[in-house]
Amino acid sequence: MKKVLTTFAALALIVSVSSCRETTEEKVEDAVESAVEEADSNMDAAVDAMENAANEAGDAVEDAANEAGDAVEEAANEAGDAMEKAGEEMKEEMDGTDGLN
């Protein structure tokens, strides 16, 4: 009777250990799958953030280039106006119609 009980106890121990091992393996597999899915999600978010930053930087550069072009055009117009005025003043001075004579 003692052998039967010992055998039964050993059999129960073997079954419980193998059952526990399978559960642990499943938990590890689930944890690995979750980690991989989270890493993929984080990678996608990082790629999206980089694309958005690149687009915003491109827009900022384009805006700055437009503003610089406008400033250059305005300065050229002002310089042209100043040259015209100076030319008119020189012509008036040479013609003697500047009001000083």
PDB file of N, CA and C in Angstrom:
ATOM      1  N   MET A   1       0.815  -1.172   0.000  1.00  0.00           N
ATOM      2  CA  MET A   1       0.000   0.000   0.000  1.00  0.00           C
ATOM      3  C   MET A   1       0.874   1.256   0.000  1.00  0.00           C
ATOM      4  N   LYS A   2       1.976   1.174   0.722  1.00  0.00           N
ATOM      5  CA  LYS A   2       2.872   2.305   0.794  1.00  0.00           C
ATOM      6  C   LYS A   2       3.477   2.587  -0.581  1.00  0.00           C
ATOM      7  N   LYS A   3       3.803   1.559  -1.351  1.00  0.00           N
ATOM      8  CA  LYS A   3       4.355   1.729  -2.693  1.00  0.00           C
ATOM      9  C   LYS A   3       3.330   2.379  -3.625  1.00  0.00           C
ATOM     10  N   VAL A   4       2.089   1.994  -3.461  1.00  0.00           N
ATOM     11  CA  VAL A   4       1.032   2.539  -4.311  1.00  0.00           C
ATOM     12  C   VAL A   4       0.876   4.040  -4.035  1.00  0.00           C
ATOM     13  N   LEU A   5       0.854   4.417  -2.775  1.00  0.00           N
ATOM     14  CA  LEU A   5       0.713   5.826  -2.413  1.00  0.00           C
ATOM     15  C   LEU A   5       1.936   6.641  -2.873  1.00  0.00           C
ATOM     16  N   THR A   6       3.113   6.068  -2.713  1.00  0.00           N
ATOM     17  CA  THR A   6       4.333   6.759  -3.137  1.00  0.00           C
ATOM     18  C   THR A   6       4.346   6.920  -4.651  1.00  0.00           C
ATOM     19  N   THR A   7       3.954   5.877  -5.373  1.00  0.00           N
ATOM     20  CA  THR A   7       3.886   5.941  -6.831  1.00  0.00           C
ATOM     21  C   THR A   7       2.863   6.983  -7.269  1.00  0.00           C
ATOM     22  N   PHE A   8       1.706   6.989  -6.606  1.00  0.00           N
ATOM     23  CA  PHE A   8       0.667   7.963  -6.928  1.00  0.00           C
ATOM     24  C   PHE A   8       1.156   9.390  -6.655  1.00  0.00           C
ATOM     25  N   ALA A   9       1.846   9.601  -5.566  1.00  0.00           N
ATOM     26  CA  ALA A   9       2.365  10.913  -5.218  1.00  0.00           C
ATOM     27  C   ALA A   9       3.421  11.355  -6.236  1.00  0.00           C
ATOM     28  N   ALA A  10       4.298  10.427  -6.646  1.00  0.00           N
ATOM     29  CA  ALA A  10       5.322  10.742  -7.637  1.00  0.00           C
ATOM     30  C   ALA A  10       4.683  11.084  -8.977  1.00  0.00           C
ATOM     31  N   LEU A  11       3.664  10.351  -9.367  1.00  0.00           N
ATOM     32  CA  LEU A  11       2.945  10.597 -10.609  1.00  0.00           C
ATOM     33  C   LEU A  11       2.264  11.972 -10.561  1.00  0.00           C
ATOM     34  N   ALA A  12       1.658  12.308  -9.445  1.00  0.00           N
ATOM     35  CA  ALA A  12       1.012  13.616  -9.287  1.00  0.00           C
ATOM     36  C   ALA A  12       2.045  14.729  -9.364  1.00  0.00           C
ATOM     37  N   LEU A  13       3.216  14.516  -8.781  1.00  0.00           N
ATOM     38  CA  LEU A  13       4.285  15.504  -8.817  1.00  0.00           C
ATOM     39  C   LEU A  13       4.770  15.717 -10.247  1.00  0.00           C
ATOM     40  N   ILE A  14       4.934  14.640 -10.999  1.00  0.00           N
ATOM     41  CA  ILE A  14       5.392  14.736 -12.395  1.00  0.00           C
ATOM     42  C   ILE A  14       4.371  15.500 -13.239  1.00  0.00           C
ATOM     43  N   VAL A  15       3.104  15.184 -13.058  1.00  0.00           N
ATOM     44  CA  VAL A  15       2.044  15.853 -13.825  1.00  0.00           C
ATOM     45  C   VAL A  15       2.004  17.340 -13.477  1.00  0.00           C
ATOM     46  N   SER A  16       2.111  17.672 -12.212  1.00  0.00           N
ATOM     47  CA  SER A  16       2.037  19.085 -11.816  1.00  0.00           C
ATOM     48  C   SER A  16       3.239  19.866 -12.326  1.00  0.00           C
ATOM     49  N   VAL A  17       4.434  19.272 -12.309  1.00  0.00           N
ATOM     50  CA  VAL A  17       5.635  19.948 -12.795  1.00  0.00           C
ATOM     51  C   VAL A  17       5.545  20.178 -14.298  1.00  0.00           C
ATOM     52  N   SER A  18       5.105  19.176 -15.046  1.00  0.00           N
ATOM     53  CA  SER A  18       5.013  19.347 -16.500  1.00  0.00           C
ATOM     54  C   SER A  18       3.912  20.347 -16.855  1.00  0.00           C
ATOM     55  N   SER A  19       2.835  20.348 -16.114  1.00  0.00           N
ATOM     56  CA  SER A  19       1.762  21.309 -16.336  1.00  0.00           C
ATOM     57  C   SER A  19       2.256  22.724 -16.047  1.00  0.00           C
ATOM     58  N   CYS A  20       3.001  22.886 -14.990  1.00  0.00           N
ATOM     59  CA  CYS A  20       3.550  24.184 -14.614  1.00  0.00           C
ATOM     60  C   CYS A  20       4.537  24.659 -15.670  1.00  0.00           C
ATOM     61  N   ARG A  21       5.356  23.768 -16.195  1.00  0.00           N
ATOM     62  CA  ARG A  21       6.338  24.106 -17.205  1.00  0.00           C
ATOM     63  C   ARG A  21       5.641  24.602 -18.475  1.00  0.00           C
ATOM     64  N   GLU A  22       4.558  23.924 -18.880  1.00  0.00           N
ATOM     65  CA  GLU A  22       3.823  24.347 -20.070  1.00  0.00           C
ATOM     66  C   GLU A  22       3.216  25.737 -19.858  1.00  0.00           C
ATOM     67  N   THR A  23       2.684  25.979 -18.690  1.00  0.00           N
ATOM     68  CA  THR A  23       2.096  27.281 -18.396  1.00  0.00           C
ATOM     69  C   THR A  23       3.158  28.373 -18.438  1.00  0.00           C
ATOM     70  N   THR A  24       4.320  28.084 -17.895  1.00  0.00           N
ATOM     71  CA  THR A  24       5.413  29.059 -17.905  1.00  0.00           C
ATOM     72  C   THR A  24       5.863  29.350 -19.328  1.00  0.00           C
ATOM     73  N   GLU A  25       5.984  28.311 -20.146  1.00  0.00           N
ATOM     74  CA  GLU A  25       6.382  28.503 -21.541  1.00  0.00           C
ATOM     75  C   GLU A  25       5.353  29.353 -22.282  1.00  0.00           C
ATOM     76  N   GLU A  26       4.079  29.110 -22.024  1.00  0.00           N
ATOM     77  CA  GLU A  26       3.035  29.903 -22.669  1.00  0.00           C
ATOM     78  C   GLU A  26       3.114  31.366 -22.235  1.00  0.00           C
ATOM     79  N   LYS A  27       3.376  31.579 -20.949  1.00  0.00           N
ATOM     80  CA  LYS A  27       3.493  32.948 -20.455  1.00  0.00           C
ATOM     81  C   LYS A  27       4.680  33.660 -21.100  1.00  0.00           C
ATOM     82  N   VAL A  28       5.788  32.946 -21.231  1.00  0.00           N
ATOM     83  CA  VAL A  28       6.967  33.538 -21.858  1.00  0.00           C
ATOM     84  C   VAL A  28       6.672  33.870 -23.316  1.00  0.00           C
ATOM     85  N   GLU A  29       6.035  32.959 -24.031  1.00  0.00           N
ATOM     86  CA  GLU A  29       5.690  33.204 -25.430  1.00  0.00           C
ATOM     87  C   GLU A  29       4.758  34.413 -25.557  1.00  0.00           C
ATOM     88  N   ASP A  30       3.764  34.487 -24.673  1.00  0.00           N
ATOM     89  CA  ASP A  30       2.837  35.627 -24.696  1.00  0.00           C
ATOM     90  C   ASP A  30       3.567  36.932 -24.403  1.00  0.00           C
ATOM     91  N   ALA A  31       4.487  36.903 -23.458  1.00  0.00           N
ATOM     92  CA  ALA A  31       5.242  38.106 -23.116  1.00  0.00           C
ATOM     93  C   ALA A  31       6.121  38.555 -24.282  1.00  0.00           C
ATOM     94  N   VAL A  32       6.742  37.592 -24.961  1.00  0.00           N
ATOM     95  CA  VAL A  32       7.591  37.914 -26.104  1.00  0.00           C
ATOM     96  C   VAL A  32       6.743  38.507 -27.235  1.00  0.00           C
ATOM     97  N   GLU A  33       5.588  37.900 -27.493  1.00  0.00           N
ATOM     98  CA  GLU A  33       4.706  38.412 -28.538  1.00  0.00           C
ATOM     99  C   GLU A  33       4.242  39.834 -28.205  1.00  0.00           C
ATOM    100  N   SER A  34       3.896  40.072 -26.965  1.00  0.00           N
ATOM    101  CA  SER A  34       3.468  41.414 -26.548  1.00  0.00           C
ATOM    102  C   SER A  34       4.601  42.424 -26.716  1.00  0.00           C
ATOM    103  N   ALA A  35       5.805  42.020 -26.348  1.00  0.00           N
ATOM    104  CA  ALA A  35       6.955  42.921 -26.478  1.00  0.00           C
ATOM    105  C   ALA A  35       7.225  43.251 -27.946  1.00  0.00           C
ATOM    106  N   VAL A  36       7.112  42.258 -28.821  1.00  0.00           N
ATOM    107  CA  VAL A  36       7.332  42.485 -30.250  1.00  0.00           C
ATOM    108  C   VAL A  36       6.254  43.414 -30.806  1.00  0.00           C
ATOM    109  N   GLU A  37       5.003  43.188 -30.427  1.00  0.00           N
ATOM    110  CA  GLU A  37       3.914  44.050 -30.896  1.00  0.00           C
ATOM    111  C   GLU A  37       4.103  45.482 -30.399  1.00  0.00           C
ATOM    112  N   GLU A  38       4.516  45.639 -29.157  1.00  0.00           N
ATOM    113  CA  GLU A  38       4.736  46.975 -28.601  1.00  0.00           C
ATOM    114  C   GLU A  38       5.908  47.662 -29.301  1.00  0.00           C
ATOM    115  N   ALA A  39       6.962  46.896 -29.590  1.00  0.00           N
ATOM    116  CA  ALA A  39       8.113  47.460 -30.297  1.00  0.00           C
ATOM    117  C   ALA A  39       7.701  47.912 -31.701  1.00  0.00           C
ATOM    118  N   ASP A  40       6.888  47.114 -32.387  1.00  0.00           N
ATOM    119  CA  ASP A  40       6.404  47.502 -33.710  1.00  0.00           C
ATOM    120  C   ASP A  40       5.569  48.779 -33.632  1.00  0.00           C
ATOM    121  N   SER A  41       4.709  48.837 -32.647  1.00  0.00           N
ATOM    122  CA  SER A  41       3.875  50.022 -32.465  1.00  0.00           C
ATOM    123  C   SER A  41       4.717  51.256 -32.183  1.00  0.00           C
ATOM    124  N   ASN A  42       5.717  51.114 -31.312  1.00  0.00           N
ATOM    125  CA  ASN A  42       6.606  52.232 -31.002  1.00  0.00           C
ATOM    126  C   ASN A  42       7.413  52.656 -32.226  1.00  0.00           C
ATOM    127  N   MET A  43       7.831  51.684 -33.022  1.00  0.00           N
ATOM    128  CA  MET A  43       8.591  51.989 -34.232  1.00  0.00           C
ATOM    129  C   MET A  43       7.719  52.763 -35.213  1.00  0.00           C
ATOM    130  N   ASP A  44       6.471  52.347 -35.380  1.00  0.00           N
ATOM    131  CA  ASP A  44       5.554  53.054 -36.271  1.00  0.00           C
ATOM    132  C   ASP A  44       5.320  54.479 -35.787  1.00  0.00           C
ATOM    133  N   ALA A  45       5.159  54.642 -34.488  1.00  0.00           N
ATOM    134  CA  ALA A  45       4.954  55.984 -33.930  1.00  0.00           C
ATOM    135  C   ALA A  45       6.187  56.850 -34.155  1.00  0.00           C
ATOM    136  N   ALA A  46       7.367  56.275 -34.006  1.00  0.00           N
ATOM    137  CA  ALA A  46       8.601  57.033 -34.215  1.00  0.00           C
ATOM    138  C   ALA A  46       8.745  57.443 -35.681  1.00  0.00           C
ATOM    139  N   VAL A  47       8.408  56.545 -36.590  1.00  0.00           N
ATOM    140  CA  VAL A  47       8.473  56.868 -38.021  1.00  0.00           C
ATOM    141  C   VAL A  47       7.494  57.991 -38.350  1.00  0.00           C
ATOM    142  N   ASP A  48       6.283  57.910 -37.809  1.00  0.00           N
ATOM    143  CA  ASP A  48       5.296  58.965 -38.032  1.00  0.00           C
ATOM    144  C   ASP A  48       5.775  60.303 -37.495  1.00  0.00           C
ATOM    145  N   ALA A  49       6.373  60.286 -36.309  1.00  0.00           N
ATOM    146  CA  ALA A  49       6.879  61.522 -35.711  1.00  0.00           C
ATOM    147  C   ALA A  49       8.006  62.108 -36.557  1.00  0.00           C
ATOM    148  N   MET A  50       8.885  61.257 -37.071  1.00  0.00           N
ATOM    149  CA  MET A  50       9.974  61.733 -37.915  1.00  0.00           C
ATOM    150  C   MET A  50       9.442  62.325 -39.215  1.00  0.00           C
ATOM    151  N   GLU A  51       8.443  61.683 -39.812  1.00  0.00           N
ATOM    152  CA  GLU A  51       7.850  62.205 -41.041  1.00  0.00           C
ATOM    153  C   GLU A  51       7.204  63.562 -40.791  1.00  0.00           C
ATOM    154  N   ASN A  52       6.491  63.692 -39.687  1.00  0.00           N
ATOM    155  CA  ASN A  52       5.861  64.970 -39.350  1.00  0.00           C
ATOM    156  C   ASN A  52       6.903  66.052 -39.130  1.00  0.00           C
ATOM    157  N   ALA A  53       7.979  65.715 -38.425  1.00  0.00           N
ATOM    158  CA  ALA A  53       9.045  66.690 -38.181  1.00  0.00           C
ATOM    159  C   ALA A  53       9.704  67.108 -39.495  1.00  0.00           C
ATOM    160  N   ALA A  54       9.922  66.157 -40.385  1.00  0.00           N
ATOM    161  CA  ALA A  54      10.523  66.476 -41.678  1.00  0.00           C
ATOM    162  C   ALA A  54       9.600  67.381 -42.496  1.00  0.00           C
ATOM    163  N   ASN A  55       8.311  67.090 -42.472  1.00  0.00           N
ATOM    164  CA  ASN A  55       7.356  67.931 -43.201  1.00  0.00           C
ATOM    165  C   ASN A  55       7.314  69.338 -42.629  1.00  0.00           C
ATOM    166  N   GLU A  56       7.307  69.448 -41.308  1.00  0.00           N
ATOM    167  CA  GLU A  56       7.287  70.765 -40.679  1.00  0.00           C
ATOM    168  C   GLU A  56       8.566  71.534 -40.976  1.00  0.00           C
ATOM    169  N   ALA A  57       9.700  70.848 -40.959  1.00  0.00           N
ATOM    170  CA  ALA A  57      10.970  71.510 -41.282  1.00  0.00           C
ATOM    171  C   ALA A  57      10.969  71.980 -42.733  1.00  0.00           C
ATOM    172  N   GLY A  58      10.467  71.150 -43.622  1.00  0.00           N
ATOM    173  CA  GLY A  58      10.383  71.541 -45.036  1.00  0.00           C
ATOM    174  C   GLY A  58       9.486  72.754 -45.223  1.00  0.00           C
ATOM    175  N   ASP A  59       8.361  72.776 -44.532  1.00  0.00           N
ATOM    176  CA  ASP A  59       7.453  73.929 -44.611  1.00  0.00           C
ATOM    177  C   ASP A  59       8.120  75.181 -44.071  1.00  0.00           C
ATOM    178  N   ALA A  60       8.857  75.041 -42.975  1.00  0.00           N
ATOM    179  CA  ALA A  60       9.545  76.194 -42.389  1.00  0.00           C
ATOM    180  C   ALA A  60      10.607  76.731 -43.338  1.00  0.00           C
ATOM    181  N   VAL A  61      11.352  75.841 -43.978  1.00  0.00           N
ATOM    182  CA  VAL A  61      12.378  76.273 -44.934  1.00  0.00           C
ATOM    183  C   VAL A  61      11.727  76.973 -46.120  1.00  0.00           C
ATOM    184  N   GLU A  62      10.628  76.417 -46.600  1.00  0.00           N
ATOM    185  CA  GLU A  62       9.919  77.021 -47.732  1.00  0.00           C
ATOM    186  C   GLU A  62       9.395  78.412 -47.368  1.00  0.00           C
ATOM    187  N   ASP A  63       8.817  78.541 -46.173  1.00  0.00           N
ATOM    188  CA  ASP A  63       8.320  79.839 -45.719  1.00  0.00           C
ATOM    189  C   ASP A  63       9.466  80.844 -45.603  1.00  0.00           C
ATOM    190  N   ALA A  64      10.579  80.420 -45.043  1.00  0.00           N
ATOM    191  CA  ALA A  64      11.732  81.311 -44.895  1.00  0.00           C
ATOM    192  C   ALA A  64      12.262  81.736 -46.262  1.00  0.00           C
ATOM    193  N   ALA A  65      12.303  80.815 -47.200  1.00  0.00           N
ATOM    194  CA  ALA A  65      12.777  81.147 -48.544  1.00  0.00           C
ATOM    195  C   ALA A  65      11.839  82.152 -49.201  1.00  0.00           C
ATOM    196  N   ASN A  66      10.541  81.970 -49.032  1.00  0.00           N
ATOM    197  CA  ASN A  66       9.572  82.917 -49.595  1.00  0.00           C
ATOM    198  C   ASN A  66       9.734  84.301 -48.970  1.00  0.00           C
ATOM    199  N   GLU A  67       9.897  84.334 -47.661  1.00  0.00           N
ATOM    200  CA  GLU A  67      10.077  85.617 -46.977  1.00  0.00           C
ATOM    201  C   GLU A  67      11.365  86.296 -47.421  1.00  0.00           C
ATOM    202  N   ALA A  68      12.427  85.525 -47.576  1.00  0.00           N
ATOM    203  CA  ALA A  68      13.699  86.091 -48.030  1.00  0.00           C
ATOM    204  C   ALA A  68      13.557  86.626 -49.452  1.00  0.00           C
ATOM    205  N   GLY A  69      12.875  85.877 -50.308  1.00  0.00           N
ATOM    206  CA  GLY A  69      12.646  86.336 -51.681  1.00  0.00           C
ATOM    207  C   GLY A  69      11.843  87.619 -51.711  1.00  0.00           C
ATOM    208  N   ASP A  70      10.819  87.712 -50.873  1.00  0.00           N
ATOM    209  CA  ASP A  70      10.014  88.930 -50.791  1.00  0.00           C
ATOM    210  C   ASP A  70      10.852  90.102 -50.308  1.00  0.00           C
ATOM    211  N   ALA A  71      11.705  89.861 -49.310  1.00  0.00           N
ATOM    212  CA  ALA A  71      12.557  90.930 -48.781  1.00  0.00           C
ATOM    213  C   ALA A  71      13.541  91.409 -49.843  1.00  0.00           C
ATOM    214  N   VAL A  72      14.122  90.493 -50.605  1.00  0.00           N
ATOM    215  CA  VAL A  72      15.066  90.866 -51.665  1.00  0.00           C
ATOM    216  C   VAL A  72      14.341  91.673 -52.740  1.00  0.00           C
ATOM    217  N   GLU A  73      13.154  91.230 -53.108  1.00  0.00           N
ATOM    218  CA  GLU A  73      12.377  91.943 -54.125  1.00  0.00           C
ATOM    219  C   GLU A  73      12.022  93.353 -53.647  1.00  0.00           C
ATOM    220  N   GLU A  74      11.606  93.474 -52.399  1.00  0.00           N
ATOM    221  CA  GLU A  74      11.269  94.786 -51.839  1.00  0.00           C
ATOM    222  C   GLU A  74      12.499  95.694 -51.796  1.00  0.00           C
ATOM    223  N   ALA A  75      13.633  95.138 -51.380  1.00  0.00           N
ATOM    224  CA  ALA A  75      14.870  95.929 -51.336  1.00  0.00           C
ATOM    225  C   ALA A  75      15.273  96.365 -52.734  1.00  0.00           C
ATOM    226  N   ALA A  76      15.122  95.490 -53.728  1.00  0.00           N
ATOM    227  CA  ALA A  76      15.461  95.850 -55.113  1.00  0.00           C
ATOM    228  C   ALA A  76      14.547  96.962 -55.600  1.00  0.00           C
ATOM    229  N   ASN A  77      13.263  96.889 -55.276  1.00  0.00           N
ATOM    230  CA  ASN A  77      12.331  97.941 -55.677  1.00  0.00           C
ATOM    231  C   ASN A  77      12.699  99.270 -55.029  1.00  0.00           C
ATOM    232  N   GLU A  78      13.016  99.228 -53.731  1.00  0.00           N
ATOM    233  CA  GLU A  78      13.396 100.448 -53.030  1.00  0.00           C
ATOM    234  C   GLU A  78      14.689 101.033 -53.609  1.00  0.00           C
ATOM    235  N   ALA A  79      15.641 100.159 -53.932  1.00  0.00           N
ATOM    236  CA  ALA A  79      16.891 100.632 -54.525  1.00  0.00           C
ATOM    237  C   ALA A  79      16.622 101.251 -55.889  1.00  0.00           C
ATOM    238  N   GLY A  80      15.745 100.631 -56.662  1.00  0.00           N
ATOM    239  CA  GLY A  80      15.393 101.184 -57.971  1.00  0.00           C
ATOM    240  C   GLY A  80      14.729 102.541 -57.833  1.00  0.00           C
ATOM    241  N   ASP A  81      13.815 102.657 -56.875  1.00  0.00           N
ATOM    242  CA  ASP A  81      13.150 103.945 -56.647  1.00  0.00           C
ATOM    243  C   ASP A  81      14.158 105.003 -56.230  1.00  0.00           C
ATOM    244  N   ALA A  82      15.080 104.632 -55.356  1.00  0.00           N
ATOM    245  CA  ALA A  82      16.093 105.581 -54.905  1.00  0.00           C
ATOM    246  C   ALA A  82      16.984 106.008 -56.062  1.00  0.00           C
ATOM    247  N   MET A  83      17.315 105.074 -56.936  1.00  0.00           N
ATOM    248  CA  MET A  83      18.148 105.413 -58.091  1.00  0.00           C
ATOM    249  C   MET A  83      17.401 106.347 -59.041  1.00  0.00           C
ATOM    250  N   GLU A  84      16.119 106.084 -59.247  1.00  0.00           N
ATOM    251  CA  GLU A  84      15.325 106.961 -60.100  1.00  0.00           C
ATOM    252  C   GLU A  84      15.267 108.371 -59.523  1.00  0.00           C
ATOM    253  N   LYS A  85      15.033 108.463 -58.217  1.00  0.00           N
ATOM    254  CA  LYS A  85      14.957 109.761 -57.556  1.00  0.00           C
ATOM    255  C   LYS A  85      16.292 110.488 -57.661  1.00  0.00           C
ATOM    256  N   ALA A  86      17.375 109.751 -57.435  1.00  0.00           N
ATOM    257  CA  ALA A  86      18.702 110.364 -57.537  1.00  0.00           C
ATOM    258  C   ALA A  86      18.969 110.826 -58.965  1.00  0.00           C
ATOM    259  N   GLY A  87      18.551 110.044 -59.930  1.00  0.00           N
ATOM    260  CA  GLY A  87      18.722 110.428 -61.340  1.00  0.00           C
ATOM    261  C   GLY A  87      17.935 111.682 -61.664  1.00  0.00           C
ATOM    262  N   GLU A  88      16.695 111.755 -61.164  1.00  0.00           N
ATOM    263  CA  GLU A  88      15.880 112.939 -61.398  1.00  0.00           C
ATOM    264  C   GLU A  88      16.506 114.164 -60.745  1.00  0.00           C
ATOM    265  N   GLU A  89      17.029 114.002 -59.530  1.00  0.00           N
ATOM    266  CA  GLU A  89      17.665 115.113 -58.838  1.00  0.00           C
ATOM    267  C   GLU A  89      18.911 115.579 -59.579  1.00  0.00           C
ATOM    268  N   MET A  90      19.681 114.619 -60.104  1.00  0.00           N
ATOM    269  CA  MET A  90      20.878 114.983 -60.865  1.00  0.00           C
ATOM    270  C   MET A  90      20.489 115.722 -62.143  1.00  0.00           C
ATOM    271  N   LYS A  91      19.435 115.248 -62.787  1.00  0.00           N
ATOM    272  CA  LYS A  91      18.982 115.891 -64.027  1.00  0.00           C
ATOM    273  C   LYS A  91      18.517 117.303 -63.727  1.00  0.00           C
ATOM    274  N   GLU A  92      17.754 117.471 -62.640  1.00  0.00           N
ATOM    275  CA  GLU A  92      17.287 118.801 -62.267  1.00  0.00           C
ATOM    276  C   GLU A  92      18.458 119.722 -61.963  1.00  0.00           C
ATOM    277  N   GLU A  93      19.472 119.184 -61.289  1.00  0.00           N
ATOM    278  CA  GLU A  93      20.634 119.984 -60.941  1.00  0.00           C
ATOM    279  C   GLU A  93      21.402 120.396 -62.185  1.00  0.00           C
ATOM    280  N   MET A  94      21.510 119.472 -63.125  1.00  0.00           N
ATOM    281  CA  MET A  94      22.236 119.776 -64.359  1.00  0.00           C
ATOM    282  C   MET A  94      21.439 120.742 -65.236  1.00  0.00           C
ATOM    283  N   ASP A  95      20.120 120.619 -65.201  1.00  0.00           N
ATOM    284  CA  ASP A  95      19.273 121.514 -65.993  1.00  0.00           C
ATOM    285  C   ASP A  95      19.103 122.866 -65.307  1.00  0.00           C
ATOM    286  N   GLY A  96      19.408 122.940 -64.054  1.00  0.00           N
ATOM    287  CA  GLY A  96      19.268 124.168 -63.306  1.00  0.00           C
ATOM    288  C   GLY A  96      17.840 124.401 -62.830  1.00  0.00           C
ATOM    289  N   THR A  97      17.059 123.349 -62.739  1.00  0.00           N
ATOM    290  CA  THR A  97      15.657 123.484 -62.312  1.00  0.00           C
ATOM    291  C   THR A  97      15.444 122.934 -60.904  1.00  0.00           C
ATOM    292  N   ASP A  98      16.486 122.861 -60.134  1.00  0.00           N
ATOM    293  CA  ASP A  98      16.374 122.280 -58.795  1.00  0.00           C
ATOM    294  C   ASP A  98      15.860 123.268 -57.777  1.00  0.00           C
ATOM    295  N   GLY A  99      15.681 124.505 -58.177  1.00  0.00           N
ATOM    296  CA  GLY A  99      15.158 125.508 -57.271  1.00  0.00           C
ATOM    297  C   GLY A  99      16.235 126.181 -56.452  1.00  0.00           C
ATOM    298  N   LEU A 100      17.501 125.837 -56.664  1.00  0.00           N
ATOM    299  CA  LEU A 100      18.594 126.440 -55.918  1.00  0.00           C
ATOM    300  C   LEU A 100      19.194 127.631 -56.672  1.00  0.00           C
ATOM    301  N   ASN A 101      19.008 127.699 -57.948  1.00  0.00           N
ATOM    302  CA  ASN A 101      19.591 128.774 -58.747  1.00  0.00           C
ATOM    303  C   ASN A 101      18.689 129.938 -58.884  1.00  0.00           C
TER     304      ASN A 101
END
